[in-house]
Amino acid sequence: MPAKSQANPMEAKPPHSAAGNGISSRELDSLSSLVSPPHICVRITELLANPRAEAREIGSVIAQDPSLTARLLRVVNSPFYGFRSRIDSVTRAVALVGHGAVHNLAVAVSAVKSFSEIPNDLVNMDTFWRHGVYCGLIARACATHAPIPQPERLFVAGLLHDLGSLVLYQSRPEACRETLLIADGDEAVLYQAEIEAFGFSHADLGGRLMVRWGLPAALADAVAYHHAPAAAEVAPFEAAILHIAEALANRSRIGAFSEQSRGEATVDDIAWLVLGATDPEALSESLIAQADERFLDTVQLLTPPRSAPPATRTGTARS
């Protein structure tokens, strides 16, 4: 089996374009700064850089935000983790699941809240977050199957893998309307259309956002290359998992990018090869079944309630 990535979480570097086009780092930095991480996330990231940081220090920082504390404890006490006894403090959660896991979850919860508040006239945000949750659940199940350490981090990567799209929709709405119309609900087509239109894709921008929000280098790389896992530089294993997860999510009805199942959504053969899968079809069915089982509970835990027209599709521009 291929070696697993062991990138240092504090050594994240801005990803390069998977397309090989020249990308202006200044431009990507400017776009990624449109939604800055909350102060608490920045503080937690700083604490993680200190090897002497203790669980109580991280817990006390998170406790400054009652809403974040409540949502984190809901996740940790849910079937997502399956602890037998109730965890009633963030400090105990940090001690049980680890500094890195709590940090990643805190960033994920904060990102969902922050990005959900971005005004958006192009897409149905309910559909957007359903796709992210479903992709995250498949990625987590895939990481557990592999197995690789801390599979929850792949859930975070899956949940947030398309954040770059939200920033593009906000900053370049008319151009994005055109790329969405060209894609007609097909993410692979959208990815290519963005590269032709902008010189970079939502995946490139998403990887840069992961760096800015203090997530580990492996997750930033996986997000940057989830459409082109063969080009991943830091974490090819994680990028392969995320690539598989997105394709399988698009084959489902409840987790599809465009609210329409795309049974023809294909997985790059190299992703299965990197994963070491001997029977991709059987594994695909198992991963989708596991995501289906946990989807409703997880989406209610993580996503804010919104009211959006039921006919609107994430992958189809509104008229």
C-alpha atoms as a PDB file:
ATOM      1  CA  MET A   1       0.000   0.000   0.000  1.00  0.00           C
ATOM      2  CA  PRO A   2       1.303   3.504  -0.810  1.00  0.00           C
ATOM      3  CA  ALA A   3       2.862   5.465   1.992  1.00  0.00           C
ATOM      4  CA  LYS A   4       0.518   7.780   3.838  1.00  0.00           C
ATOM      5  CA  SER A   5       1.161  11.498   4.025  1.00  0.00           C
ATOM      6  CA  GLN A   6       2.639  12.749   7.268  1.00  0.00           C
ATOM      7  CA  ALA A   7       2.776  16.461   6.511  1.00  0.00           C
ATOM      8  CA  ASN A   8       3.363  18.771   9.441  1.00  0.00           C
ATOM      9  CA  PRO A   9       0.112  20.679  10.074  1.00  0.00           C
ATOM     10  CA  MET A  10       2.026  23.883  10.636  1.00  0.00           C
ATOM     11  CA  GLU A  11       3.995  23.707   7.367  1.00  0.00           C
ATOM     12  CA  ALA A  12       1.141  24.335   4.951  1.00  0.00           C
ATOM     13  CA  LYS A  13       2.259  25.998   1.740  1.00  0.00           C
ATOM     14  CA  PRO A  14       0.082  27.648  -0.912  1.00  0.00           C
ATOM     15  CA  PRO A  15      -0.777  25.042  -3.564  1.00  0.00           C
ATOM     16  CA  HIS A  16       0.139  25.455  -7.203  1.00  0.00           C
ATOM     17  CA  SER A  17      -2.347  25.170 -10.014  1.00  0.00           C
ATOM     18  CA  ALA A  18      -3.249  21.603 -10.863  1.00  0.00           C
ATOM     19  CA  ALA A  19      -3.682  22.839 -14.411  1.00  0.00           C
ATOM     20  CA  GLY A  20      -0.139  24.115 -14.648  1.00  0.00           C
ATOM     21  CA  ASN A  21      -1.320  27.613 -15.624  1.00  0.00           C
ATOM     22  CA  GLY A  22       0.432  30.624 -14.206  1.00  0.00           C
ATOM     23  CA  ILE A  23      -1.557  31.762 -11.184  1.00  0.00           C
ATOM     24  CA  SER A  24      -0.974  35.085  -9.531  1.00  0.00           C
ATOM     25  CA  SER A  25      -0.308  34.369  -5.871  1.00  0.00           C
ATOM     26  CA  ARG A  26      -1.301  37.951  -5.138  1.00  0.00           C
ATOM     27  CA  GLU A  27      -4.641  37.384  -6.852  1.00  0.00           C
ATOM     28  CA  LEU A  28      -5.355  34.169  -4.968  1.00  0.00           C
ATOM     29  CA  ASP A  29      -4.323  35.760  -1.679  1.00  0.00           C
ATOM     30  CA  SER A  30      -6.593  38.702  -2.398  1.00  0.00           C
ATOM     31  CA  LEU A  31      -9.558  36.407  -3.108  1.00  0.00           C
ATOM     32  CA  SER A  32      -8.900  34.192  -0.098  1.00  0.00           C
ATOM     33  CA  SER A  33      -8.841  37.244   2.176  1.00  0.00           C
ATOM     34  CA  LEU A  34     -12.485  38.034   1.403  1.00  0.00           C
ATOM     35  CA  VAL A  35     -13.543  35.735   4.241  1.00  0.00           C
ATOM     36  CA  SER A  36     -10.981  35.801   7.026  1.00  0.00           C
ATOM     37  CA  PRO A  37     -10.838  33.160   9.771  1.00  0.00           C
ATOM     38  CA  PRO A  38     -12.345  34.179  13.112  1.00  0.00           C
ATOM     39  CA  HIS A  39      -9.910  35.347  15.776  1.00  0.00           C
ATOM     40  CA  ILE A  40     -10.530  32.195  17.812  1.00  0.00           C
ATOM     41  CA  CYS A  41      -9.418  29.966  14.926  1.00  0.00           C
ATOM     42  CA  VAL A  42      -6.276  32.030  14.512  1.00  0.00           C
ATOM     43  CA  ARG A  43      -5.566  31.743  18.241  1.00  0.00           C
ATOM     44  CA  ILE A  44      -6.054  27.959  18.226  1.00  0.00           C
ATOM     45  CA  THR A  45      -3.684  27.657  15.266  1.00  0.00           C
ATOM     46  CA  GLU A  46      -1.077  29.666  17.184  1.00  0.00           C
ATOM     47  CA  LEU A  47      -1.472  27.406  20.212  1.00  0.00           C
ATOM     48  CA  LEU A  48      -0.970  24.305  18.085  1.00  0.00           C
ATOM     49  CA  ALA A  49       2.335  25.717  16.931  1.00  0.00           C
ATOM     50  CA  ASN A  50       3.463  25.541  20.559  1.00  0.00           C
ATOM     51  CA  PRO A  51       4.327  21.945  21.513  1.00  0.00           C
ATOM     52  CA  ARG A  52       3.795  22.851  25.168  1.00  0.00           C
ATOM     53  CA  ALA A  53       0.172  23.916  24.680  1.00  0.00           C
ATOM     54  CA  GLU A  54      -2.198  22.003  26.940  1.00  0.00           C
ATOM     55  CA  ALA A  55      -5.774  20.845  26.422  1.00  0.00           C
ATOM     56  CA  ARG A  56      -7.083  23.335  28.969  1.00  0.00           C
ATOM     57  CA  GLU A  57      -5.502  26.243  27.056  1.00  0.00           C
ATOM     58  CA  ILE A  58      -7.178  25.246  23.803  1.00  0.00           C
ATOM     59  CA  GLY A  59     -10.427  24.589  25.655  1.00  0.00           C
ATOM     60  CA  SER A  60     -10.361  28.015  27.287  1.00  0.00           C
ATOM     61  CA  VAL A  61      -9.875  29.744  23.926  1.00  0.00           C
ATOM     62  CA  ILE A  62     -12.786  27.881  22.324  1.00  0.00           C
ATOM     63  CA  ALA A  63     -14.944  28.551  25.391  1.00  0.00           C
ATOM     64  CA  GLN A  64     -14.791  32.264  24.569  1.00  0.00           C
ATOM     65  CA  ASP A  65     -17.312  31.541  21.806  1.00  0.00           C
ATOM     66  CA  PRO A  66     -20.391  29.888  23.367  1.00  0.00           C
ATOM     67  CA  SER A  67     -21.913  29.082  19.977  1.00  0.00           C
ATOM     68  CA  LEU A  68     -18.748  27.357  18.756  1.00  0.00           C
ATOM     69  CA  THR A  69     -18.444  25.498  22.058  1.00  0.00           C
ATOM     70  CA  ALA A  70     -22.015  24.220  21.859  1.00  0.00           C
ATOM     71  CA  ARG A  71     -21.686  23.036  18.258  1.00  0.00           C
ATOM     72  CA  LEU A  72     -18.361  21.327  18.913  1.00  0.00           C
ATOM     73  CA  LEU A  73     -19.759  19.462  21.898  1.00  0.00           C
ATOM     74  CA  ARG A  74     -22.783  18.408  19.839  1.00  0.00           C
ATOM     75  CA  VAL A  75     -20.468  16.878  17.240  1.00  0.00           C
ATOM     76  CA  VAL A  76     -18.214  15.172  19.784  1.00  0.00           C
ATOM     77  CA  ASN A  77     -21.222  13.732  21.643  1.00  0.00           C
ATOM     78  CA  SER A  78     -22.911  12.527  18.451  1.00  0.00           C
ATOM     79  CA  PRO A  79     -22.682   9.067  16.812  1.00  0.00           C
ATOM     80  CA  PHE A  80     -19.996  10.646  14.612  1.00  0.00           C
ATOM     81  CA  TYR A  81     -17.529   9.773  17.392  1.00  0.00           C
ATOM     82  CA  GLY A  82     -19.542   7.225  19.360  1.00  0.00           C
ATOM     83  CA  PHE A  83     -18.207   7.886  22.858  1.00  0.00           C
ATOM     84  CA  ARG A  84     -20.115   5.935  25.520  1.00  0.00           C
ATOM     85  CA  SER A  85     -20.109   8.647  28.180  1.00  0.00           C
ATOM     86  CA  ARG A  86     -21.110  12.260  27.674  1.00  0.00           C
ATOM     87  CA  ILE A  87     -18.347  14.822  27.148  1.00  0.00           C
ATOM     88  CA  ASP A  88     -19.316  18.034  28.904  1.00  0.00           C
ATOM     89  CA  SER A  89     -16.310  20.295  28.262  1.00  0.00           C
ATOM     90  CA  VAL A  90     -14.120  21.236  25.319  1.00  0.00           C
ATOM     91  CA  THR A  91     -11.045  20.558  27.464  1.00  0.00           C
ATOM     92  CA  ARG A  92     -12.118  16.947  27.880  1.00  0.00           C
ATOM     93  CA  ALA A  93     -12.924  16.721  24.176  1.00  0.00           C
ATOM     94  CA  VAL A  94      -9.421  17.932  23.340  1.00  0.00           C
ATOM     95  CA  ALA A  95      -7.928  15.341  25.688  1.00  0.00           C
ATOM     96  CA  LEU A  96      -9.976  12.517  24.144  1.00  0.00           C
ATOM     97  CA  VAL A  97      -9.878  13.228  20.421  1.00  0.00           C
ATOM     98  CA  GLY A  98      -6.634  15.195  20.265  1.00  0.00           C
ATOM     99  CA  HIS A  99      -5.534  18.790  19.728  1.00  0.00           C
ATOM    100  CA  GLY A 100      -5.440  18.516  15.941  1.00  0.00           C
ATOM    101  CA  ALA A 101      -8.870  16.897  15.611  1.00  0.00           C
ATOM    102  CA  VAL A 102     -10.578  19.524  17.768  1.00  0.00           C
ATOM    103  CA  HIS A 103      -8.778  22.290  15.887  1.00  0.00           C
ATOM    104  CA  ASN A 104      -9.912  20.912  12.527  1.00  0.00           C
ATOM    105  CA  LEU A 105     -13.494  20.574  13.762  1.00  0.00           C
ATOM    106  CA  ALA A 106     -13.440  24.083  15.212  1.00  0.00           C
ATOM    107  CA  VAL A 107     -12.246  25.495  11.898  1.00  0.00           C
ATOM    108  CA  ALA A 108     -14.864  23.469  10.003  1.00  0.00           C
ATOM    109  CA  VAL A 109     -17.728  24.637  12.236  1.00  0.00           C
ATOM    110  CA  SER A 110     -16.512  28.242  12.056  1.00  0.00           C
ATOM    111  CA  ALA A 111     -16.087  28.083   8.281  1.00  0.00           C
ATOM    112  CA  VAL A 112     -19.600  26.726   7.759  1.00  0.00           C
ATOM    113  CA  LYS A 113     -20.999  29.595   9.819  1.00  0.00           C
ATOM    114  CA  SER A 114     -18.859  32.285   8.188  1.00  0.00           C
ATOM    115  CA  PHE A 115     -19.314  31.167   4.598  1.00  0.00           C
ATOM    116  CA  SER A 116     -23.032  30.539   5.050  1.00  0.00           C
ATOM    117  CA  GLU A 117     -23.429  34.241   5.778  1.00  0.00           C
ATOM    118  CA  ILE A 118     -22.017  35.233   2.370  1.00  0.00           C
ATOM    119  CA  PRO A 119     -24.845  36.639   0.215  1.00  0.00           C
ATOM    120  CA  ASN A 120     -25.224  34.372  -2.770  1.00  0.00           C
ATOM    121  CA  ASP A 121     -27.563  34.759  -5.707  1.00  0.00           C
ATOM    122  CA  LEU A 122     -26.074  32.001  -7.832  1.00  0.00           C
ATOM    123  CA  VAL A 123     -26.580  28.811  -5.858  1.00  0.00           C
ATOM    124  CA  ASN A 124     -28.759  27.014  -3.355  1.00  0.00           C
ATOM    125  CA  MET A 125     -26.696  26.981  -0.161  1.00  0.00           C
ATOM    126  CA  ASP A 126     -28.658  24.057   1.253  1.00  0.00           C
ATOM    127  CA  THR A 127     -27.560  21.965  -1.704  1.00  0.00           C
ATOM    128  CA  PHE A 128     -23.997  23.251  -1.411  1.00  0.00           C
ATOM    129  CA  TRP A 129     -23.654  22.126   2.202  1.00  0.00           C
ATOM    130  CA  ARG A 130     -25.435  18.812   1.607  1.00  0.00           C
ATOM    131  CA  HIS A 131     -22.844  18.069  -1.061  1.00  0.00           C
ATOM    132  CA  GLY A 132     -20.021  19.017   1.303  1.00  0.00           C
ATOM    133  CA  VAL A 133     -21.339  16.882   4.169  1.00  0.00           C
ATOM    134  CA  TYR A 134     -21.949  13.884   1.917  1.00  0.00           C
ATOM    135  CA  CYS A 135     -18.513  14.195   0.337  1.00  0.00           C
ATOM    136  CA  GLY A 136     -16.991  14.471   3.814  1.00  0.00           C
ATOM    137  CA  LEU A 137     -18.748  11.344   5.044  1.00  0.00           C
ATOM    138  CA  ILE A 138     -17.530   9.314   2.077  1.00  0.00           C
ATOM    139  CA  ALA A 139     -13.999  10.673   2.520  1.00  0.00           C
ATOM    140  CA  ARG A 140     -14.053   9.713   6.202  1.00  0.00           C
ATOM    141  CA  ALA A 141     -15.337   6.208   5.404  1.00  0.00           C
ATOM    142  CA  CYS A 142     -12.682   5.850   2.707  1.00  0.00           C
ATOM    143  CA  ALA A 143      -9.944   6.954   5.106  1.00  0.00           C
ATOM    144  CA  THR A 144     -11.198   4.484   7.708  1.00  0.00           C
ATOM    145  CA  HIS A 145     -11.142   1.698   5.123  1.00  0.00           C
ATOM    146  CA  ALA A 146      -7.580   2.535   3.998  1.00  0.00           C
ATOM    147  CA  PRO A 147      -6.855   2.897   6.965  1.00  0.00           C
ATOM    148  CA  ILE A 148      -5.074   6.164   7.693  1.00  0.00           C
ATOM    149  CA  PRO A 149      -4.709   7.997  11.024  1.00  0.00           C
ATOM    150  CA  GLN A 150      -7.389  10.467  12.109  1.00  0.00           C
ATOM    151  CA  PRO A 151      -9.984   9.809   9.407  1.00  0.00           C
ATOM    152  CA  GLU A 152     -12.055  12.719  10.767  1.00  0.00           C
ATOM    153  CA  ARG A 153      -9.633  15.138   9.117  1.00  0.00           C
ATOM    154  CA  LEU A 154     -10.755  13.784   5.730  1.00  0.00           C
ATOM    155  CA  PHE A 155     -14.324  14.561   6.725  1.00  0.00           C
ATOM    156  CA  VAL A 156     -13.266  18.171   7.297  1.00  0.00           C
ATOM    157  CA  ALA A 157     -11.552  18.278   3.884  1.00  0.00           C
ATOM    158  CA  GLY A 158     -14.658  16.883   2.209  1.00  0.00           C
ATOM    159  CA  LEU A 159     -16.975  19.267   4.010  1.00  0.00           C
ATOM    160  CA  LEU A 160     -14.933  22.303   2.948  1.00  0.00           C
ATOM    161  CA  HIS A 161     -13.586  21.134  -0.421  1.00  0.00           C
ATOM    162  CA  ASP A 162     -15.665  23.565  -2.524  1.00  0.00           C
ATOM    163  CA  LEU A 163     -15.274  26.717  -0.413  1.00  0.00           C
ATOM    164  CA  GLY A 164     -13.298  28.277  -3.244  1.00  0.00           C
ATOM    165  CA  SER A 165     -16.490  28.238  -5.309  1.00  0.00           C
ATOM    166  CA  LEU A 166     -18.314  30.422  -2.781  1.00  0.00           C
ATOM    167  CA  VAL A 167     -15.567  33.042  -2.911  1.00  0.00           C
ATOM    168  CA  LEU A 168     -15.623  33.016  -6.714  1.00  0.00           C
ATOM    169  CA  TYR A 169     -19.412  33.335  -6.754  1.00  0.00           C
ATOM    170  CA  GLN A 170     -19.120  36.391  -4.526  1.00  0.00           C
ATOM    171  CA  SER A 171     -16.195  38.056  -6.300  1.00  0.00           C
ATOM    172  CA  ARG A 172     -16.995  37.213  -9.943  1.00  0.00           C
ATOM    173  CA  PRO A 173     -20.722  36.480 -10.120  1.00  0.00           C
ATOM    174  CA  GLU A 174     -21.273  37.131 -13.824  1.00  0.00           C
ATOM    175  CA  ALA A 175     -18.270  35.109 -14.978  1.00  0.00           C
ATOM    176  CA  CYS A 176     -19.281  32.294 -12.622  1.00  0.00           C
ATOM    177  CA  ARG A 177     -22.806  32.354 -13.991  1.00  0.00           C
ATOM    178  CA  GLU A 178     -21.289  31.593 -17.394  1.00  0.00           C
ATOM    179  CA  THR A 179     -19.085  28.755 -16.107  1.00  0.00           C
ATOM    180  CA  LEU A 180     -22.050  27.226 -14.239  1.00  0.00           C
ATOM    181  CA  LEU A 181     -24.160  27.342 -17.395  1.00  0.00           C
ATOM    182  CA  ILE A 182     -21.363  25.669 -19.345  1.00  0.00           C
ATOM    183  CA  ALA A 183     -20.981  22.967 -16.669  1.00  0.00           C
ATOM    184  CA  ASP A 184     -24.716  22.192 -16.467  1.00  0.00           C
ATOM    185  CA  GLY A 185     -24.250  20.425 -13.139  1.00  0.00           C
ATOM    186  CA  ASP A 186     -21.041  18.556 -14.064  1.00  0.00           C
ATOM    187  CA  GLU A 187     -18.214  19.458 -11.653  1.00  0.00           C
ATOM    188  CA  ALA A 188     -15.492  18.100 -13.916  1.00  0.00           C
ATOM    189  CA  VAL A 189     -16.680  20.398 -16.704  1.00  0.00           C
ATOM    190  CA  LEU A 190     -16.950  23.302 -14.262  1.00  0.00           C
ATOM    191  CA  TYR A 191     -13.359  22.754 -13.153  1.00  0.00           C
ATOM    192  CA  GLN A 192     -12.098  23.016 -16.756  1.00  0.00           C
ATOM    193  CA  ALA A 193     -14.356  25.983 -17.530  1.00  0.00           C
ATOM    194  CA  GLU A 194     -12.943  27.893 -14.548  1.00  0.00           C
ATOM    195  CA  ILE A 195      -9.363  27.241 -15.630  1.00  0.00           C
ATOM    196  CA  GLU A 196     -10.163  28.558 -19.109  1.00  0.00           C
ATOM    197  CA  ALA A 197     -11.967  31.603 -17.716  1.00  0.00           C
ATOM    198  CA  PHE A 198      -9.709  32.535 -14.795  1.00  0.00           C
ATOM    199  CA  GLY A 199      -6.434  30.640 -15.166  1.00  0.00           C
ATOM    200  CA  PHE A 200      -7.194  28.798 -11.920  1.00  0.00           C
ATOM    201  CA  SER A 201     -10.074  26.830 -10.412  1.00  0.00           C
ATOM    202  CA  HIS A 202     -12.208  26.778  -7.287  1.00  0.00           C
ATOM    203  CA  ALA A 203      -9.955  23.917  -6.137  1.00  0.00           C
ATOM    204  CA  ASP A 204      -6.822  26.084  -6.342  1.00  0.00           C
ATOM    205  CA  LEU A 205      -8.557  28.849  -4.423  1.00  0.00           C
ATOM    206  CA  GLY A 206      -9.951  26.353  -1.917  1.00  0.00           C
ATOM    207  CA  GLY A 207      -6.462  25.059  -1.167  1.00  0.00           C
ATOM    208  CA  ARG A 208      -5.295  28.603  -0.504  1.00  0.00           C
ATOM    209  CA  LEU A 209      -8.263  29.148   1.819  1.00  0.00           C
ATOM    210  CA  MET A 210      -7.348  26.024   3.794  1.00  0.00           C
ATOM    211  CA  VAL A 211      -3.880  27.482   4.354  1.00  0.00           C
ATOM    212  CA  ARG A 212      -5.306  30.833   5.403  1.00  0.00           C
ATOM    213  CA  TRP A 213      -7.685  29.174   7.870  1.00  0.00           C
ATOM    214  CA  GLY A 214      -4.841  27.226   9.486  1.00  0.00           C
ATOM    215  CA  LEU A 215      -5.745  23.710   8.355  1.00  0.00           C
ATOM    216  CA  PRO A 216      -3.002  21.083   7.876  1.00  0.00           C
ATOM    217  CA  ALA A 217      -0.880  21.032   4.738  1.00  0.00           C
ATOM    218  CA  ALA A 218      -2.238  17.616   3.731  1.00  0.00           C
ATOM    219  CA  LEU A 219      -5.821  18.894   3.762  1.00  0.00           C
ATOM    220  CA  ALA A 220      -4.920  22.031   1.817  1.00  0.00           C
ATOM    221  CA  ASP A 221      -3.196  19.884  -0.817  1.00  0.00           C
ATOM    222  CA  ALA A 222      -6.106  17.446  -0.994  1.00  0.00           C
ATOM    223  CA  VAL A 223      -8.567  20.299  -1.585  1.00  0.00           C
ATOM    224  CA  ALA A 224      -6.309  21.962  -4.177  1.00  0.00           C
ATOM    225  CA  TYR A 225      -5.965  18.738  -6.176  1.00  0.00           C
ATOM    226  CA  HIS A 226      -9.281  16.961  -5.641  1.00  0.00           C
ATOM    227  CA  HIS A 227      -9.979  17.262  -9.377  1.00  0.00           C
ATOM    228  CA  ALA A 228      -6.438  16.235 -10.359  1.00  0.00           C
ATOM    229  CA  PRO A 229      -5.095  13.818  -7.728  1.00  0.00           C
ATOM    230  CA  ALA A 230      -2.147  12.767  -9.893  1.00  0.00           C
ATOM    231  CA  ALA A 231      -0.735  16.293  -9.553  1.00  0.00           C
ATOM    232  CA  ALA A 232      -0.872  16.423  -5.744  1.00  0.00           C
ATOM    233  CA  GLU A 233       2.459  17.478  -4.284  1.00  0.00           C
ATOM    234  CA  VAL A 234       2.143  17.099  -0.523  1.00  0.00           C
ATOM    235  CA  ALA A 235      -0.648  14.592   0.034  1.00  0.00           C
ATOM    236  CA  PRO A 236      -1.457  12.383  -2.982  1.00  0.00           C
ATOM    237  CA  PHE A 237      -3.166   9.818  -0.740  1.00  0.00           C
ATOM    238  CA  GLU A 238      -5.552  12.386   0.747  1.00  0.00           C
ATOM    239  CA  ALA A 239      -6.137  13.985  -2.662  1.00  0.00           C
ATOM    240  CA  ALA A 240      -7.078  10.577  -4.092  1.00  0.00           C
ATOM    241  CA  ILE A 241      -9.558  10.000  -1.266  1.00  0.00           C
ATOM    242  CA  LEU A 242     -11.163  13.406  -1.777  1.00  0.00           C
ATOM    243  CA  HIS A 243     -11.348  12.862  -5.534  1.00  0.00           C
ATOM    244  CA  ILE A 244     -13.109   9.536  -5.027  1.00  0.00           C
ATOM    245  CA  ALA A 245     -15.449  11.020  -2.428  1.00  0.00           C
ATOM    246  CA  GLU A 246     -16.580  13.847  -4.689  1.00  0.00           C
ATOM    247  CA  ALA A 247     -17.242  11.547  -7.647  1.00  0.00           C
ATOM    248  CA  LEU A 248     -19.258   9.131  -5.514  1.00  0.00           C
ATOM    249  CA  ALA A 249     -21.180  11.991  -3.902  1.00  0.00           C
ATOM    250  CA  ASN A 250     -22.205  13.139  -7.377  1.00  0.00           C
ATOM    251  CA  ARG A 251     -23.561   9.683  -8.166  1.00  0.00           C
ATOM    252  CA  SER A 252     -26.030  10.005  -5.296  1.00  0.00           C
ATOM    253  CA  ARG A 253     -29.241  12.006  -5.258  1.00  0.00           C
ATOM    254  CA  ILE A 254     -28.960  13.529  -1.800  1.00  0.00           C
ATOM    255  CA  GLY A 255     -25.269  14.417  -2.048  1.00  0.00           C
ATOM    256  CA  ALA A 256     -24.958  15.529  -5.655  1.00  0.00           C
ATOM    257  CA  PHE A 257     -23.466  18.891  -6.520  1.00  0.00           C
ATOM    258  CA  SER A 258     -26.431  19.802  -8.717  1.00  0.00           C
ATOM    259  CA  GLU A 259     -29.287  17.983  -6.946  1.00  0.00           C
ATOM    260  CA  GLN A 260     -29.292  15.587  -9.876  1.00  0.00           C
ATOM    261  CA  SER A 261     -27.551  12.264  -9.563  1.00  0.00           C
ATOM    262  CA  ARG A 262     -24.806  11.870 -12.139  1.00  0.00           C
ATOM    263  CA  GLY A 263     -24.310   8.137 -12.345  1.00  0.00           C
ATOM    264  CA  GLU A 264     -21.649   8.700 -14.982  1.00  0.00           C
ATOM    265  CA  ALA A 265     -19.393  10.665 -12.613  1.00  0.00           C
ATOM    266  CA  THR A 266     -16.054   8.938 -13.084  1.00  0.00           C
ATOM    267  CA  VAL A 267     -13.113   8.344 -10.783  1.00  0.00           C
ATOM    268  CA  ASP A 268      -9.590   8.775 -12.127  1.00  0.00           C
ATOM    269  CA  ASP A 269      -8.017   5.306 -12.205  1.00  0.00           C
ATOM    270  CA  ILE A 270      -4.925   6.649 -10.490  1.00  0.00           C
ATOM    271  CA  ALA A 271      -7.018   7.493  -7.418  1.00  0.00           C
ATOM    272  CA  TRP A 272      -8.079   3.863  -6.985  1.00  0.00           C
ATOM    273  CA  LEU A 273      -4.484   2.822  -7.617  1.00  0.00           C
ATOM    274  CA  VAL A 274      -3.153   5.179  -4.944  1.00  0.00           C
ATOM    275  CA  LEU A 275      -5.784   3.902  -2.526  1.00  0.00           C
ATOM    276  CA  GLY A 276      -4.857   0.301  -3.320  1.00  0.00           C
ATOM    277  CA  ALA A 277      -8.489  -0.672  -4.039  1.00  0.00           C
ATOM    278  CA  THR A 278      -8.817  -4.169  -5.515  1.00  0.00           C
ATOM    279  CA  ASP A 279     -12.578  -3.982  -6.176  1.00  0.00           C
ATOM    280  CA  PRO A 280     -13.531  -0.321  -6.783  1.00  0.00           C
ATOM    281  CA  GLU A 281     -17.199  -1.017  -7.521  1.00  0.00           C
ATOM    282  CA  ALA A 282     -17.789  -2.989  -4.323  1.00  0.00           C
ATOM    283  CA  LEU A 283     -15.894  -0.398  -2.307  1.00  0.00           C
ATOM    284  CA  SER A 284     -17.919   2.401  -3.912  1.00  0.00           C
ATOM    285  CA  GLU A 285     -21.193   0.769  -2.893  1.00  0.00           C
ATOM    286  CA  SER A 286     -19.948   0.302   0.662  1.00  0.00           C
ATOM    287  CA  LEU A 287     -18.766   3.910   0.984  1.00  0.00           C
ATOM    288  CA  ILE A 288     -22.040   5.310  -0.335  1.00  0.00           C
ATOM    289  CA  ALA A 289     -24.028   3.078   2.045  1.00  0.00           C
ATOM    290  CA  GLN A 290     -22.003   4.342   5.015  1.00  0.00           C
ATOM    291  CA  ALA A 291     -22.558   7.965   3.956  1.00  0.00           C
ATOM    292  CA  ASP A 292     -26.295   7.383   3.560  1.00  0.00           C
ATOM    293  CA  GLU A 293     -26.494   5.946   7.068  1.00  0.00           C
ATOM    294  CA  ARG A 294     -24.970   9.015   8.742  1.00  0.00           C
ATOM    295  CA  PHE A 295     -26.034  11.781   6.413  1.00  0.00           C
ATOM    296  CA  LEU A 296     -29.206  13.128   8.046  1.00  0.00           C
ATOM    297  CA  ASP A 297     -27.775  13.281  11.559  1.00  0.00           C
ATOM    298  CA  THR A 298     -24.541  14.881  10.383  1.00  0.00           C
ATOM    299  CA  VAL A 299     -26.075  17.524   8.139  1.00  0.00           C
ATOM    300  CA  GLN A 300     -28.335  18.618  11.009  1.00  0.00           C
ATOM    301  CA  LEU A 301     -25.340  18.864  13.329  1.00  0.00           C
ATOM    302  CA  LEU A 302     -23.192  21.025  11.111  1.00  0.00           C
ATOM    303  CA  THR A 303     -25.251  23.120   8.750  1.00  0.00           C
ATOM    304  CA  PRO A 304     -27.315  26.179   9.655  1.00  0.00           C
ATOM    305  CA  PRO A 305     -30.999  26.239   8.686  1.00  0.00           C
ATOM    306  CA  ARG A 306     -31.705  28.288   5.587  1.00  0.00           C
ATOM    307  CA  SER A 307     -34.664  28.965   3.403  1.00  0.00           C
ATOM    308  CA  ALA A 308     -33.996  28.544  -0.287  1.00  0.00           C
ATOM    309  CA  PRO A 309     -36.190  27.754  -3.293  1.00  0.00           C
ATOM    310  CA  PRO A 310     -36.308  23.951  -3.578  1.00  0.00           C
ATOM    311  CA  ALA A 311     -35.908  24.024  -7.347  1.00  0.00           C
ATOM    312  CA  THR A 312     -32.559  25.836  -7.283  1.00  0.00           C
ATOM    313  CA  ARG A 313     -29.496  23.727  -8.038  1.00  0.00           C
ATOM    314  CA  THR A 314     -25.968  24.255  -6.861  1.00  0.00           C
ATOM    315  CA  GLY A 315     -24.418  23.338 -10.186  1.00  0.00           C
ATOM    316  CA  THR A 316     -26.861  25.314 -12.309  1.00  0.00           C
ATOM    317  CA  ALA A 317     -26.830  29.085 -12.459  1.00  0.00           C
ATOM    318  CA  ARG A 318     -30.015  30.832 -11.441  1.00  0.00           C
ATOM    319  CA  SER A 319     -31.655  32.736 -14.245  1.00  0.00           C
END
